[in-house]
Amino acid sequence: QVRLVESGGGLVQAGGSLRLSCAASGLTFSNYAIAWFRQAPGKSREFVAGISQSGVGTAYGATVKGRFTISRDNVKNTVYLQMNSLEPEDTAVYYCAAARNNLYSNINSAAYNYWGQGTQITVSS
């Protein structure tokens, strides 16, 4: 059974930082590209960042580029999202997702095979 479990969410003030983790099990982790998406109330799911199977390739959504950094540890089967300079507009539920192909910059959520349950990030002004 494939599981993706996000952690590290919470409440932070604007300008602060958080690091999210996504721990995977039940799959050959290094065969999957991993992405982070987010969804705010009343909005559609938005691509945040993606990373290739090896970790060499990364991609970011325009609204987070320069502030967020995605990385992965294929020994620990974990992907991280370091979020700096957080803004109230970053408030959302953040999800990690895994794709069997290596299209780590795919912004289409339907392209991903497995999803975590999500973790809430709230940024106060």
Protein backbone atom coordinates (compact mmCIF):
# COMPACT_ATOMS: atom_id res chain seq x y z
CA GLN A 1 0.00 0.00 0.00
CA VAL A 2 1.42 3.33 -1.06
CA ARG A 3 1.40 6.07 1.54
CA LEU A 4 2.54 9.67 1.37
CA VAL A 5 2.49 11.44 4.72
CA GLU A 6 3.04 15.18 5.00
CA SER A 7 4.23 16.85 8.18
CA GLY A 8 5.59 20.20 9.32
CA GLY A 9 2.53 22.37 8.80
CA GLY A 10 1.28 24.94 11.23
CA LEU A 11 0.79 28.60 11.98
CA VAL A 12 3.52 31.12 11.20
CA GLN A 13 3.77 34.89 10.96
CA ALA A 14 4.35 36.61 7.65
CA GLY A 15 8.03 36.65 6.81
CA GLY A 16 8.67 33.45 8.69
CA SER A 17 9.78 30.01 7.51
CA LEU A 18 8.57 26.43 7.65
CA ARG A 19 9.84 23.15 6.32
CA LEU A 20 7.42 20.51 5.14
CA SER A 21 8.28 16.84 4.83
CA CYS A 22 6.65 14.15 2.75
CA ALA A 23 7.54 10.62 3.80
CA ALA A 24 6.76 7.87 1.30
CA SER A 25 6.30 4.14 1.75
CA GLY A 26 5.03 1.23 -0.31
CA LEU A 27 6.71 2.31 -3.52
CA THR A 28 10.15 2.43 -5.10
CA PHE A 29 10.67 6.04 -4.17
CA SER A 30 13.51 6.82 -6.56
CA ASN A 31 11.27 5.83 -9.52
CA TYR A 32 8.84 8.66 -8.83
CA ALA A 33 8.89 12.36 -9.45
CA ILE A 34 7.41 14.20 -6.50
CA ALA A 35 5.52 17.47 -6.41
CA TRP A 36 3.93 19.77 -3.89
CA PHE A 37 0.55 21.29 -4.59
CA ARG A 38 -1.57 23.56 -2.46
CA GLN A 39 -5.22 24.43 -2.25
CA ALA A 40 -6.71 27.45 -0.55
CA PRO A 41 -10.42 27.68 0.31
CA GLY A 42 -12.48 28.40 -2.76
CA LYS A 43 -9.52 28.01 -5.12
CA SER A 44 -8.32 25.26 -7.40
CA ARG A 45 -5.31 23.09 -6.58
CA GLU A 46 -2.08 24.88 -7.51
CA PHE A 47 1.31 23.46 -8.43
CA VAL A 48 3.96 24.67 -5.99
CA ALA A 49 7.13 22.74 -6.78
CA GLY A 50 8.34 19.50 -8.32
CA ILE A 51 11.50 17.43 -8.22
CA SER A 52 12.81 14.75 -10.53
CA GLN A 53 13.43 11.13 -9.60
CA SER A 54 17.13 11.79 -9.00
CA GLY A 55 16.64 15.18 -7.40
CA VAL A 56 18.68 16.99 -10.03
CA GLY A 57 15.72 18.62 -11.75
CA THR A 58 13.43 21.03 -9.94
CA ALA A 59 10.57 23.29 -10.95
CA TYR A 60 8.59 25.96 -9.16
CA GLY A 61 5.35 27.80 -9.52
CA ALA A 62 5.70 31.48 -10.32
CA THR A 63 4.26 32.62 -7.00
CA VAL A 64 6.83 30.75 -4.91
CA LYS A 65 9.95 30.84 -7.07
CA GLY A 66 12.85 32.31 -5.13
CA ARG A 67 11.18 31.72 -1.77
CA PHE A 68 10.60 27.95 -1.68
CA THR A 69 13.11 25.14 -2.22
CA ILE A 70 12.26 21.52 -2.90
CA SER A 71 14.70 18.70 -2.17
CA ARG A 72 14.64 14.96 -1.67
CA ASP A 73 16.50 12.20 0.13
CA ASN A 74 16.14 8.92 -1.73
CA VAL A 75 17.66 7.01 1.19
CA LYS A 76 15.08 8.31 3.63
CA ASN A 77 12.26 8.21 1.02
CA THR A 78 11.42 11.78 1.91
CA VAL A 79 10.85 15.02 0.03
CA TYR A 80 11.17 18.40 1.70
CA LEU A 81 9.78 21.83 0.96
CA GLN A 82 11.64 24.68 2.60
CA MET A 83 9.41 27.73 2.65
CA ASN A 84 10.91 31.13 3.40
CA SER A 85 9.51 34.66 3.38
CA LEU A 86 6.01 33.30 3.85
CA GLU A 87 3.09 35.52 2.94
CA PRO A 88 -0.58 35.36 3.97
CA GLU A 89 -1.31 34.34 0.36
CA ASP A 90 0.62 31.11 1.02
CA THR A 91 -2.11 29.98 3.42
CA ALA A 92 -3.48 26.69 2.11
CA VAL A 93 -3.51 22.94 2.56
CA TYR A 94 -0.29 21.58 1.10
CA TYR A 95 -0.21 18.15 -0.53
CA CYS A 96 2.61 16.03 -1.84
CA ALA A 97 2.04 13.85 -4.88
CA ALA A 98 3.99 11.15 -6.68
CA ALA A 99 4.14 10.47 -10.40
CA ARG A 100 5.53 7.33 -12.03
CA ASN A 101 6.88 9.34 -14.93
CA ASN A 102 9.63 11.91 -14.47
CA LEU A 103 7.60 14.93 -15.53
CA TYR A 104 8.31 16.76 -12.31
CA SER A 105 7.20 20.13 -13.72
CA ASN A 106 3.73 18.88 -14.65
CA ILE A 107 1.23 21.32 -13.18
CA ASN A 108 -1.71 19.06 -13.96
CA SER A 109 -2.76 17.33 -10.74
CA ALA A 110 -4.41 14.52 -12.72
CA ALA A 111 -0.97 13.37 -13.86
CA TYR A 112 0.02 12.26 -10.36
CA ASN A 113 -0.65 8.73 -9.20
CA TYR A 114 -0.57 9.06 -5.42
CA TRP A 115 -1.41 11.81 -2.96
CA GLY A 116 -0.89 12.53 0.69
CA GLN A 117 -3.65 13.66 3.03
CA GLY A 118 -2.40 17.25 3.20
CA THR A 119 -1.09 19.55 5.89
CA GLN A 120 -2.41 23.00 6.75
CA ILE A 121 -0.21 26.08 6.52
CA THR A 122 -1.59 29.29 7.93
CA VAL A 123 0.38 32.52 7.56
CA SER A 124 -0.80 35.41 9.69
CA SER A 125 -0.26 39.04 8.72
